[in-house]
């Protein structure tokens, strides 16, 4: 294995029996514009994935809907055969339509097909972790996940999935999933300005379950906060660096999956997440989501 050239911030966390670096990588941006089609720079995308492993990152987040199929095939081309220490987390529950939308696909037959496509395109016999994606592009939507989640549990019994999680879920859906089978992670939108899951994060930490926030800077609608800008300026850092460093400090069960299609930006994210925040910095930032 390549010796990491940069020290990864945050240490490690256990997803069930899998040990991953708390600083991970989200592969969504490797696809083309709107997460559709191939990347403009295919060689660059492959280089990013190889740099991910070269930096010592052992947690890659993906979905076969990215592209669709494009991102998983890039991961396979760049990294297969995979190191025993590398763990790939994927999600099912939505597909792509011709307009670039994300319609739900949670019927049992749709979920079985999605798991098979992930296996084939990643070149795996068993998926390390599969998250059931719920809700829609606007966020979580209340409702039972039982039928869909039980389908994934059945696939887990067949040996096609090692561990389960949920994504874009309400606290009630997380509880329902846990009443059906163990989960190792919850992946929801969360950042300095969107603190709705504070209580859930603390509850999951007590249970040893990871919380994986997406959109650390607000995603497609970047958060604008004077306190964030002020702290970043004072520290001579980027707002993304401050946001990532804050998330690592927020709770030990938070895993980061920032995405990028640039090797330089990837390295900047790793360095930025290790930024040291003082108690005064944290107090100022804490006001953003209150």
C-alpha atoms as a PDB file:
ATOM      1  CA  UNK A   1       0.000   0.000   0.000  1.00  0.00           C
ATOM      2  CA  UNK A   2       1.167   3.552  -0.701  1.00  0.00           C
ATOM      3  CA  UNK A   3       2.444   5.361   2.370  1.00  0.00           C
ATOM      4  CA  UNK A   4       0.155   8.362   2.995  1.00  0.00           C
ATOM      5  CA  UNK A   5       1.932  11.625   2.221  1.00  0.00           C
ATOM      6  CA  UNK A   6      -0.476  13.696   4.302  1.00  0.00           C
ATOM      7  CA  UNK A   7      -1.671  13.012   7.836  1.00  0.00           C
ATOM      8  CA  UNK A   8      -5.432  12.511   7.775  1.00  0.00           C
ATOM      9  CA  UNK A   9      -7.405  14.481  10.369  1.00  0.00           C
ATOM     10  CA  UNK A  10      -9.934  12.859  12.684  1.00  0.00           C
ATOM     11  CA  UNK A  11      -8.501   9.371  13.044  1.00  0.00           C
ATOM     12  CA  UNK A  12     -10.745   6.392  12.333  1.00  0.00           C
ATOM     13  CA  UNK A  13     -14.242   5.050  13.049  1.00  0.00           C
ATOM     14  CA  UNK A  14     -15.766   1.575  12.916  1.00  0.00           C
ATOM     15  CA  UNK A  15     -18.660   0.857  10.565  1.00  0.00           C
ATOM     16  CA  UNK A  16     -19.575  -2.436  12.163  1.00  0.00           C
ATOM     17  CA  UNK A  17     -16.456  -4.540  11.706  1.00  0.00           C
ATOM     18  CA  UNK A  18     -14.994  -2.178   9.077  1.00  0.00           C
ATOM     19  CA  UNK A  19     -12.480   0.460  10.129  1.00  0.00           C
ATOM     20  CA  UNK A  20     -12.546   3.620   8.001  1.00  0.00           C
ATOM     21  CA  UNK A  21     -10.843   6.985   8.131  1.00  0.00           C
ATOM     22  CA  UNK A  22     -13.173   9.687   9.421  1.00  0.00           C
ATOM     23  CA  UNK A  23     -12.004  11.787   6.507  1.00  0.00           C
ATOM     24  CA  UNK A  24     -13.502  10.079   3.464  1.00  0.00           C
ATOM     25  CA  UNK A  25     -14.213  10.984  -0.128  1.00  0.00           C
ATOM     26  CA  UNK A  26     -17.527  11.524  -1.906  1.00  0.00           C
ATOM     27  CA  UNK A  27     -17.359  10.476  -5.552  1.00  0.00           C
ATOM     28  CA  UNK A  28     -20.463  12.274  -6.868  1.00  0.00           C
ATOM     29  CA  UNK A  29     -18.505  15.082  -8.554  1.00  0.00           C
ATOM     30  CA  UNK A  30     -16.574  12.653 -10.739  1.00  0.00           C
ATOM     31  CA  UNK A  31     -19.512  12.407 -13.130  1.00  0.00           C
ATOM     32  CA  UNK A  32     -20.340  15.104 -15.677  1.00  0.00           C
ATOM     33  CA  UNK A  33     -22.372  18.296 -15.132  1.00  0.00           C
ATOM     34  CA  UNK A  34     -25.489  17.708 -13.055  1.00  0.00           C
ATOM     35  CA  UNK A  35     -24.012  14.327 -12.055  1.00  0.00           C
ATOM     36  CA  UNK A  36     -24.917  13.077 -15.536  1.00  0.00           C
ATOM     37  CA  UNK A  37     -22.680  11.554 -18.176  1.00  0.00           C
ATOM     38  CA  UNK A  38     -18.905  11.161 -18.232  1.00  0.00           C
ATOM     39  CA  UNK A  39     -16.456  13.668 -16.751  1.00  0.00           C
ATOM     40  CA  UNK A  40     -14.873  16.284 -18.989  1.00  0.00           C
ATOM     41  CA  UNK A  41     -11.463  15.099 -17.818  1.00  0.00           C
ATOM     42  CA  UNK A  42     -11.572  11.325 -17.514  1.00  0.00           C
ATOM     43  CA  UNK A  43      -7.874  10.941 -16.759  1.00  0.00           C
ATOM     44  CA  UNK A  44      -8.211  13.624 -14.108  1.00  0.00           C
ATOM     45  CA  UNK A  45     -11.072  11.728 -12.458  1.00  0.00           C
ATOM     46  CA  UNK A  46      -8.989   8.551 -12.344  1.00  0.00           C
ATOM     47  CA  UNK A  47      -6.077  10.526 -10.892  1.00  0.00           C
ATOM     48  CA  UNK A  48      -8.295  11.871  -8.094  1.00  0.00           C
ATOM     49  CA  UNK A  49      -9.375   8.369  -7.104  1.00  0.00           C
ATOM     50  CA  UNK A  50      -5.797   7.113  -7.061  1.00  0.00           C
ATOM     51  CA  UNK A  51      -4.777  10.117  -4.966  1.00  0.00           C
ATOM     52  CA  UNK A  52      -7.598   9.331  -2.524  1.00  0.00           C
ATOM     53  CA  UNK A  53      -5.995   5.953  -1.844  1.00  0.00           C
ATOM     54  CA  UNK A  54      -2.519   7.443  -1.947  1.00  0.00           C
ATOM     55  CA  UNK A  55      -3.447   9.851   0.850  1.00  0.00           C
ATOM     56  CA  UNK A  56      -4.546   6.936   3.020  1.00  0.00           C
ATOM     57  CA  UNK A  57      -8.307   7.561   2.776  1.00  0.00           C
ATOM     58  CA  UNK A  58     -10.164   4.271   3.309  1.00  0.00           C
ATOM     59  CA  UNK A  59     -13.792   5.421   2.930  1.00  0.00           C
ATOM     60  CA  UNK A  60     -15.271   6.213  -0.502  1.00  0.00           C
ATOM     61  CA  UNK A  61     -18.946   7.149  -0.839  1.00  0.00           C
ATOM     62  CA  UNK A  62     -20.683   6.560  -4.162  1.00  0.00           C
ATOM     63  CA  UNK A  63     -23.920   5.489  -5.880  1.00  0.00           C
ATOM     64  CA  UNK A  64     -24.586   3.760  -9.175  1.00  0.00           C
ATOM     65  CA  UNK A  65     -27.059   6.551  -9.957  1.00  0.00           C
ATOM     66  CA  UNK A  66     -24.112   8.929 -10.362  1.00  0.00           C
ATOM     67  CA  UNK A  67     -23.724   9.227 -14.097  1.00  0.00           C
ATOM     68  CA  UNK A  68     -25.641   6.859 -14.009  1.00  0.00           C
ATOM     69  CA  UNK A  69     -23.074   4.050 -13.713  1.00  0.00           C
ATOM     70  CA  UNK A  70     -20.201   6.373 -14.631  1.00  0.00           C
ATOM     71  CA  UNK A  71     -18.745   6.977 -11.180  1.00  0.00           C
ATOM     72  CA  UNK A  72     -18.752   3.334 -10.103  1.00  0.00           C
ATOM     73  CA  UNK A  73     -17.058   2.288 -13.324  1.00  0.00           C
ATOM     74  CA  UNK A  74     -14.388   4.948 -12.796  1.00  0.00           C
ATOM     75  CA  UNK A  75     -13.802   3.656  -9.265  1.00  0.00           C
ATOM     76  CA  UNK A  76     -13.392   0.141 -10.590  1.00  0.00           C
ATOM     77  CA  UNK A  77     -11.014   1.190 -13.352  1.00  0.00           C
ATOM     78  CA  UNK A  78      -8.870   3.290 -11.028  1.00  0.00           C
ATOM     79  CA  UNK A  79      -8.720   1.084  -7.946  1.00  0.00           C
ATOM     80  CA  UNK A  80      -9.688  -2.530  -8.689  1.00  0.00           C
ATOM     81  CA  UNK A  81      -8.501  -4.919  -7.297  1.00  0.00           C
ATOM     82  CA  UNK A  82      -9.222  -3.048  -4.087  1.00  0.00           C
ATOM     83  CA  UNK A  83      -6.996  -2.944  -1.036  1.00  0.00           C
ATOM     84  CA  UNK A  84      -8.413  -4.852   1.938  1.00  0.00           C
ATOM     85  CA  UNK A  85      -8.367  -1.588   3.894  1.00  0.00           C
ATOM     86  CA  UNK A  86     -10.502   0.335   1.377  1.00  0.00           C
ATOM     87  CA  UNK A  87     -14.254   0.341   2.004  1.00  0.00           C
ATOM     88  CA  UNK A  88     -16.816   1.574  -0.504  1.00  0.00           C
ATOM     89  CA  UNK A  89     -20.205   2.791   0.722  1.00  0.00           C
ATOM     90  CA  UNK A  90     -22.992   3.050  -1.837  1.00  0.00           C
ATOM     91  CA  UNK A  91     -26.679   3.923  -1.815  1.00  0.00           C
ATOM     92  CA  UNK A  92     -29.836   2.732  -3.531  1.00  0.00           C
ATOM     93  CA  UNK A  93     -33.391   4.034  -3.633  1.00  0.00           C
ATOM     94  CA  UNK A  94     -33.271   6.549  -6.494  1.00  0.00           C
ATOM     95  CA  UNK A  95     -32.450   6.462 -10.189  1.00  0.00           C
ATOM     96  CA  UNK A  96     -31.848   9.133 -12.824  1.00  0.00           C
ATOM     97  CA  UNK A  97     -34.320  10.229 -15.462  1.00  0.00           C
ATOM     98  CA  UNK A  98     -33.580  11.838 -18.817  1.00  0.00           C
ATOM     99  CA  UNK A  99     -34.153  15.298 -17.347  1.00  0.00           C
ATOM    100  CA  UNK A 100     -31.512  14.693 -14.684  1.00  0.00           C
ATOM    101  CA  UNK A 101     -34.039  14.182 -11.890  1.00  0.00           C
ATOM    102  CA  UNK A 102     -33.797  11.653  -9.068  1.00  0.00           C
ATOM    103  CA  UNK A 103     -37.103   9.717  -9.065  1.00  0.00           C
ATOM    104  CA  UNK A 104     -37.455   7.193  -6.243  1.00  0.00           C
ATOM    105  CA  UNK A 105     -36.862   3.512  -6.974  1.00  0.00           C
ATOM    106  CA  UNK A 106     -37.708   1.652  -3.780  1.00  0.00           C
ATOM    107  CA  UNK A 107     -39.831  -1.266  -4.904  1.00  0.00           C
ATOM    108  CA  UNK A 108     -38.233  -4.624  -4.067  1.00  0.00           C
ATOM    109  CA  UNK A 109     -37.441  -5.369  -7.720  1.00  0.00           C
ATOM    110  CA  UNK A 110     -35.897  -1.936  -8.200  1.00  0.00           C
ATOM    111  CA  UNK A 111     -33.719  -2.285  -5.104  1.00  0.00           C
ATOM    112  CA  UNK A 112     -32.528  -5.758  -6.100  1.00  0.00           C
ATOM    113  CA  UNK A 113     -31.625  -4.455  -9.552  1.00  0.00           C
ATOM    114  CA  UNK A 114     -29.775  -1.492  -8.030  1.00  0.00           C
ATOM    115  CA  UNK A 115     -27.720  -3.725  -5.739  1.00  0.00           C
ATOM    116  CA  UNK A 116     -26.784  -5.966  -8.678  1.00  0.00           C
ATOM    117  CA  UNK A 117     -25.763  -2.951 -10.770  1.00  0.00           C
ATOM    118  CA  UNK A 118     -23.578  -1.649  -7.946  1.00  0.00           C
ATOM    119  CA  UNK A 119     -21.923  -5.049  -7.601  1.00  0.00           C
ATOM    120  CA  UNK A 120     -21.304  -5.354 -11.339  1.00  0.00           C
ATOM    121  CA  UNK A 121     -20.037  -1.835 -11.939  1.00  0.00           C
ATOM    122  CA  UNK A 122     -17.795  -1.804  -8.864  1.00  0.00           C
ATOM    123  CA  UNK A 123     -16.539  -5.331  -9.559  1.00  0.00           C
ATOM    124  CA  UNK A 124     -17.507  -6.708  -6.151  1.00  0.00           C
ATOM    125  CA  UNK A 125     -19.143  -9.850  -4.825  1.00  0.00           C
ATOM    126  CA  UNK A 126     -20.342  -8.116  -1.640  1.00  0.00           C
ATOM    127  CA  UNK A 127     -21.035  -4.437  -0.986  1.00  0.00           C
ATOM    128  CA  UNK A 128     -19.446  -3.189   2.246  1.00  0.00           C
ATOM    129  CA  UNK A 129     -22.260  -0.766   3.155  1.00  0.00           C
ATOM    130  CA  UNK A 130     -25.515   0.078   1.374  1.00  0.00           C
ATOM    131  CA  UNK A 131     -27.564   3.095   2.402  1.00  0.00           C
ATOM    132  CA  UNK A 132     -31.268   3.195   1.603  1.00  0.00           C
ATOM    133  CA  UNK A 133     -31.892   6.651   0.159  1.00  0.00           C
ATOM    134  CA  UNK A 134     -35.236   8.076   1.245  1.00  0.00           C
ATOM    135  CA  UNK A 135     -37.097  11.350   0.769  1.00  0.00           C
ATOM    136  CA  UNK A 136     -36.552  13.484  -2.310  1.00  0.00           C
ATOM    137  CA  UNK A 137     -34.361  16.327  -3.555  1.00  0.00           C
ATOM    138  CA  UNK A 138     -35.978  18.659  -1.027  1.00  0.00           C
ATOM    139  CA  UNK A 139     -35.033  16.491   1.941  1.00  0.00           C
ATOM    140  CA  UNK A 140     -36.499  13.715   4.103  1.00  0.00           C
ATOM    141  CA  UNK A 141     -40.167  12.791   3.668  1.00  0.00           C
ATOM    142  CA  UNK A 142     -42.022  11.065   6.531  1.00  0.00           C
ATOM    143  CA  UNK A 143     -43.313   7.557   5.946  1.00  0.00           C
ATOM    144  CA  UNK A 144     -42.525   3.929   6.620  1.00  0.00           C
ATOM    145  CA  UNK A 145     -39.365   2.458   5.109  1.00  0.00           C
ATOM    146  CA  UNK A 146     -40.221  -1.098   6.178  1.00  0.00           C
ATOM    147  CA  UNK A 147     -40.800  -2.766   2.795  1.00  0.00           C
ATOM    148  CA  UNK A 148     -37.739  -1.209   1.170  1.00  0.00           C
ATOM    149  CA  UNK A 149     -35.447  -1.753   4.136  1.00  0.00           C
ATOM    150  CA  UNK A 150     -36.576  -5.352   4.610  1.00  0.00           C
ATOM    151  CA  UNK A 151     -35.663  -5.979   0.959  1.00  0.00           C
ATOM    152  CA  UNK A 152     -32.098  -4.843   1.703  1.00  0.00           C
ATOM    153  CA  UNK A 153     -32.044  -6.996   4.843  1.00  0.00           C
ATOM    154  CA  UNK A 154     -32.950  -9.981   2.677  1.00  0.00           C
ATOM    155  CA  UNK A 155     -30.094  -9.166   0.297  1.00  0.00           C
ATOM    156  CA  UNK A 156     -27.821  -8.867   3.313  1.00  0.00           C
ATOM    157  CA  UNK A 157     -28.840 -12.382   4.407  1.00  0.00           C
ATOM    158  CA  UNK A 158     -27.917 -13.589   0.914  1.00  0.00           C
ATOM    159  CA  UNK A 159     -24.402 -12.224   1.408  1.00  0.00           C
ATOM    160  CA  UNK A 160     -24.661  -9.429  -1.152  1.00  0.00           C
ATOM    161  CA  UNK A 161     -24.473  -6.663   1.478  1.00  0.00           C
ATOM    162  CA  UNK A 162     -22.303  -6.564   4.571  1.00  0.00           C
ATOM    163  CA  UNK A 163     -23.761  -3.596   6.475  1.00  0.00           C
ATOM    164  CA  UNK A 164     -26.791  -1.315   6.134  1.00  0.00           C
ATOM    165  CA  UNK A 165     -27.516   2.367   6.617  1.00  0.00           C
ATOM    166  CA  UNK A 166     -30.084   5.005   5.702  1.00  0.00           C
ATOM    167  CA  UNK A 167     -29.805   8.336   3.899  1.00  0.00           C
ATOM    168  CA  UNK A 168     -31.972  11.463   3.740  1.00  0.00           C
ATOM    169  CA  UNK A 169     -34.009  10.044   6.617  1.00  0.00           C
ATOM    170  CA  UNK A 170     -36.092  11.432   9.450  1.00  0.00           C
ATOM    171  CA  UNK A 171     -35.274  10.495  13.036  1.00  0.00           C
ATOM    172  CA  UNK A 172     -38.410   8.324  13.043  1.00  0.00           C
ATOM    173  CA  UNK A 173     -37.234   6.454   9.940  1.00  0.00           C
ATOM    174  CA  UNK A 174     -33.831   5.894  11.536  1.00  0.00           C
ATOM    175  CA  UNK A 175     -35.573   4.402  14.556  1.00  0.00           C
ATOM    176  CA  UNK A 176     -37.783   2.235  12.341  1.00  0.00           C
ATOM    177  CA  UNK A 177     -34.774   0.923  10.423  1.00  0.00           C
ATOM    178  CA  UNK A 178     -32.995   0.064  13.669  1.00  0.00           C
ATOM    179  CA  UNK A 179     -36.074  -1.835  14.843  1.00  0.00           C
ATOM    180  CA  UNK A 180     -35.780  -4.043  11.733  1.00  0.00           C
ATOM    181  CA  UNK A 181     -32.008  -4.618  11.573  1.00  0.00           C
ATOM    182  CA  UNK A 182     -28.754  -3.044  12.793  1.00  0.00           C
ATOM    183  CA  UNK A 183     -27.454  -0.030  10.884  1.00  0.00           C
ATOM    184  CA  UNK A 184     -23.913   1.341  10.887  1.00  0.00           C
ATOM    185  CA  UNK A 185     -24.496   4.845   9.501  1.00  0.00           C
ATOM    186  CA  UNK A 186     -26.955   7.624   8.765  1.00  0.00           C
ATOM    187  CA  UNK A 187     -26.236   9.990   5.876  1.00  0.00           C
ATOM    188  CA  UNK A 188     -28.169  13.258   6.003  1.00  0.00           C
ATOM    189  CA  UNK A 189     -27.725  16.889   5.070  1.00  0.00           C
ATOM    190  CA  UNK A 190     -26.053  18.707   7.938  1.00  0.00           C
ATOM    191  CA  UNK A 191     -23.771  21.721   8.235  1.00  0.00           C
ATOM    192  CA  UNK A 192     -23.189  24.857  10.291  1.00  0.00           C
ATOM    193  CA  UNK A 193     -26.440  26.446   9.120  1.00  0.00           C
ATOM    194  CA  UNK A 194     -28.586  23.281   9.042  1.00  0.00           C
ATOM    195  CA  UNK A 195     -28.454  21.846  12.553  1.00  0.00           C
ATOM    196  CA  UNK A 196     -31.782  19.984  12.592  1.00  0.00           C
ATOM    197  CA  UNK A 197     -30.077  16.656  13.332  1.00  0.00           C
ATOM    198  CA  UNK A 198     -28.155  17.775  16.428  1.00  0.00           C
ATOM    199  CA  UNK A 199     -30.138  15.533  18.758  1.00  0.00           C
ATOM    200  CA  UNK A 200     -29.972  12.595  16.336  1.00  0.00           C
ATOM    201  CA  UNK A 201     -26.182  12.901  16.006  1.00  0.00           C
ATOM    202  CA  UNK A 202     -25.749  12.724  19.772  1.00  0.00           C
ATOM    203  CA  UNK A 203     -28.080   9.725  20.059  1.00  0.00           C
ATOM    204  CA  UNK A 204     -26.235   7.875  17.304  1.00  0.00           C
ATOM    205  CA  UNK A 205     -22.878   8.640  18.900  1.00  0.00           C
ATOM    206  CA  UNK A 206     -24.043   6.950  22.094  1.00  0.00           C
ATOM    207  CA  UNK A 207     -24.990   3.865  20.035  1.00  0.00           C
ATOM    208  CA  UNK A 208     -21.715   3.753  18.086  1.00  0.00           C
ATOM    209  CA  UNK A 209     -23.441   4.608  14.782  1.00  0.00           C
ATOM    210  CA  UNK A 210     -21.756   6.934  12.303  1.00  0.00           C
ATOM    211  CA  UNK A 211     -23.362  10.133  11.054  1.00  0.00           C
ATOM    212  CA  UNK A 212     -22.203  11.149   7.571  1.00  0.00           C
ATOM    213  CA  UNK A 213     -23.187  14.722   6.618  1.00  0.00           C
ATOM    214  CA  UNK A 214     -23.504  15.693   2.979  1.00  0.00           C
ATOM    215  CA  UNK A 215     -23.371  19.275   1.709  1.00  0.00           C
ATOM    216  CA  UNK A 216     -21.008  20.679   4.417  1.00  0.00           C
ATOM    217  CA  UNK A 217     -21.307  24.127   2.801  1.00  0.00           C
ATOM    218  CA  UNK A 218     -24.950  23.910   1.765  1.00  0.00           C
ATOM    219  CA  UNK A 219     -24.540  21.971  -1.480  1.00  0.00           C
ATOM    220  CA  UNK A 220     -26.247  23.532  -4.485  1.00  0.00           C
ATOM    221  CA  UNK A 221     -27.238  26.575  -2.372  1.00  0.00           C
ATOM    222  CA  UNK A 222     -24.017  27.508  -0.541  1.00  0.00           C
ATOM    223  CA  UNK A 223     -24.592  28.880   2.928  1.00  0.00           C
ATOM    224  CA  UNK A 224     -23.717  32.518   3.479  1.00  0.00           C
ATOM    225  CA  UNK A 225     -22.739  33.312   7.061  1.00  0.00           C
ATOM    226  CA  UNK A 226     -20.780  36.328   8.258  1.00  0.00           C
ATOM    227  CA  UNK A 227     -19.438  34.348  11.227  1.00  0.00           C
ATOM    228  CA  UNK A 228     -18.052  31.652   8.935  1.00  0.00           C
ATOM    229  CA  UNK A 229     -16.395  34.244   6.717  1.00  0.00           C
ATOM    230  CA  UNK A 230     -14.997  36.079   9.738  1.00  0.00           C
ATOM    231  CA  UNK A 231     -13.476  32.964  11.291  1.00  0.00           C
ATOM    232  CA  UNK A 232     -12.051  31.808   7.947  1.00  0.00           C
ATOM    233  CA  UNK A 233     -10.496  35.224   7.304  1.00  0.00           C
ATOM    234  CA  UNK A 234      -9.018  35.401  10.795  1.00  0.00           C
ATOM    235  CA  UNK A 235      -7.424  31.978  10.397  1.00  0.00           C
ATOM    236  CA  UNK A 236      -6.291  32.595   6.821  1.00  0.00           C
ATOM    237  CA  UNK A 237      -8.318  29.577   5.725  1.00  0.00           C
ATOM    238  CA  UNK A 238     -11.152  28.868   3.296  1.00  0.00           C
ATOM    239  CA  UNK A 239     -14.781  28.625   4.464  1.00  0.00           C
ATOM    240  CA  UNK A 240     -14.748  24.939   3.382  1.00  0.00           C
ATOM    241  CA  UNK A 241     -11.746  24.262   5.627  1.00  0.00           C
ATOM    242  CA  UNK A 242     -13.505  25.820   8.602  1.00  0.00           C
ATOM    243  CA  UNK A 243     -16.747  23.955   7.869  1.00  0.00           C
ATOM    244  CA  UNK A 244     -14.960  20.594   7.611  1.00  0.00           C
ATOM    245  CA  UNK A 245     -12.852  21.184  10.715  1.00  0.00           C
ATOM    246  CA  UNK A 246     -15.987  22.170  12.650  1.00  0.00           C
ATOM    247  CA  UNK A 247     -17.756  18.969  11.615  1.00  0.00           C
ATOM    248  CA  UNK A 248     -14.871  16.816  12.856  1.00  0.00           C
ATOM    249  CA  UNK A 249     -14.985  18.666  16.179  1.00  0.00           C
ATOM    250  CA  UNK A 250     -18.791  18.470  16.406  1.00  0.00           C
ATOM    251  CA  UNK A 251     -18.907  14.760  17.319  1.00  0.00           C
ATOM    252  CA  UNK A 252     -16.529  11.789  17.088  1.00  0.00           C
ATOM    253  CA  UNK A 253     -19.064   9.760  15.065  1.00  0.00           C
ATOM    254  CA  UNK A 254     -19.156  12.280  12.206  1.00  0.00           C
ATOM    255  CA  UNK A 255     -17.474  11.041   9.025  1.00  0.00           C
ATOM    256  CA  UNK A 256     -16.623  13.469   6.229  1.00  0.00           C
ATOM    257  CA  UNK A 257     -17.181  12.758   2.515  1.00  0.00           C
ATOM    258  CA  UNK A 258     -16.324  16.021   0.717  1.00  0.00           C
ATOM    259  CA  UNK A 259     -16.219  15.593  -3.028  1.00  0.00           C
ATOM    260  CA  UNK A 260     -14.034  17.118  -5.717  1.00  0.00           C
ATOM    261  CA  UNK A 261     -12.831  16.388  -9.232  1.00  0.00           C
ATOM    262  CA  UNK A 262      -9.433  18.018  -8.608  1.00  0.00           C
ATOM    263  CA  UNK A 263      -6.359  16.442  -7.009  1.00  0.00           C
ATOM    264  CA  UNK A 264      -5.246  19.838  -5.706  1.00  0.00           C
ATOM    265  CA  UNK A 265      -8.650  20.509  -4.161  1.00  0.00           C
ATOM    266  CA  UNK A 266      -8.684  17.042  -2.604  1.00  0.00           C
ATOM    267  CA  UNK A 267      -5.393  17.750  -0.866  1.00  0.00           C
ATOM    268  CA  UNK A 268      -6.653  21.180   0.218  1.00  0.00           C
ATOM    269  CA  UNK A 269      -9.722  19.560   1.783  1.00  0.00           C
ATOM    270  CA  UNK A 270      -7.582  17.091   3.728  1.00  0.00           C
ATOM    271  CA  UNK A 271      -5.311  19.840   5.024  1.00  0.00           C
ATOM    272  CA  UNK A 272      -8.243  22.155   5.736  1.00  0.00           C
ATOM    273  CA  UNK A 273     -10.149  19.585   7.784  1.00  0.00           C
ATOM    274  CA  UNK A 274      -7.167  19.463  10.152  1.00  0.00           C
ATOM    275  CA  UNK A 275      -7.485  23.174  10.899  1.00  0.00           C
ATOM    276  CA  UNK A 276      -7.265  23.960  14.614  1.00  0.00           C
ATOM    277  CA  UNK A 277     -10.310  25.836  15.930  1.00  0.00           C
ATOM    278  CA  UNK A 278     -10.140  27.664  19.249  1.00  0.00           C
ATOM    279  CA  UNK A 279     -12.947  27.780  21.798  1.00  0.00           C
ATOM    280  CA  UNK A 280     -13.671  31.354  20.659  1.00  0.00           C
ATOM    281  CA  UNK A 281     -13.860  30.193  17.025  1.00  0.00           C
ATOM    282  CA  UNK A 282     -16.249  27.403  17.975  1.00  0.00           C
ATOM    283  CA  UNK A 283     -18.449  29.734  20.008  1.00  0.00           C
ATOM    284  CA  UNK A 284     -18.686  32.156  17.088  1.00  0.00           C
ATOM    285  CA  UNK A 285     -19.474  29.410  14.604  1.00  0.00           C
ATOM    286  CA  UNK A 286     -22.033  27.846  16.923  1.00  0.00           C
ATOM    287  CA  UNK A 287     -24.210  30.950  16.602  1.00  0.00           C
ATOM    288  CA  UNK A 288     -24.768  30.276  12.879  1.00  0.00           C
ATOM    289  CA  UNK A 289     -27.206  27.421  13.301  1.00  0.00           C
ATOM    290  CA  UNK A 290     -28.986  28.700  16.377  1.00  0.00           C
END
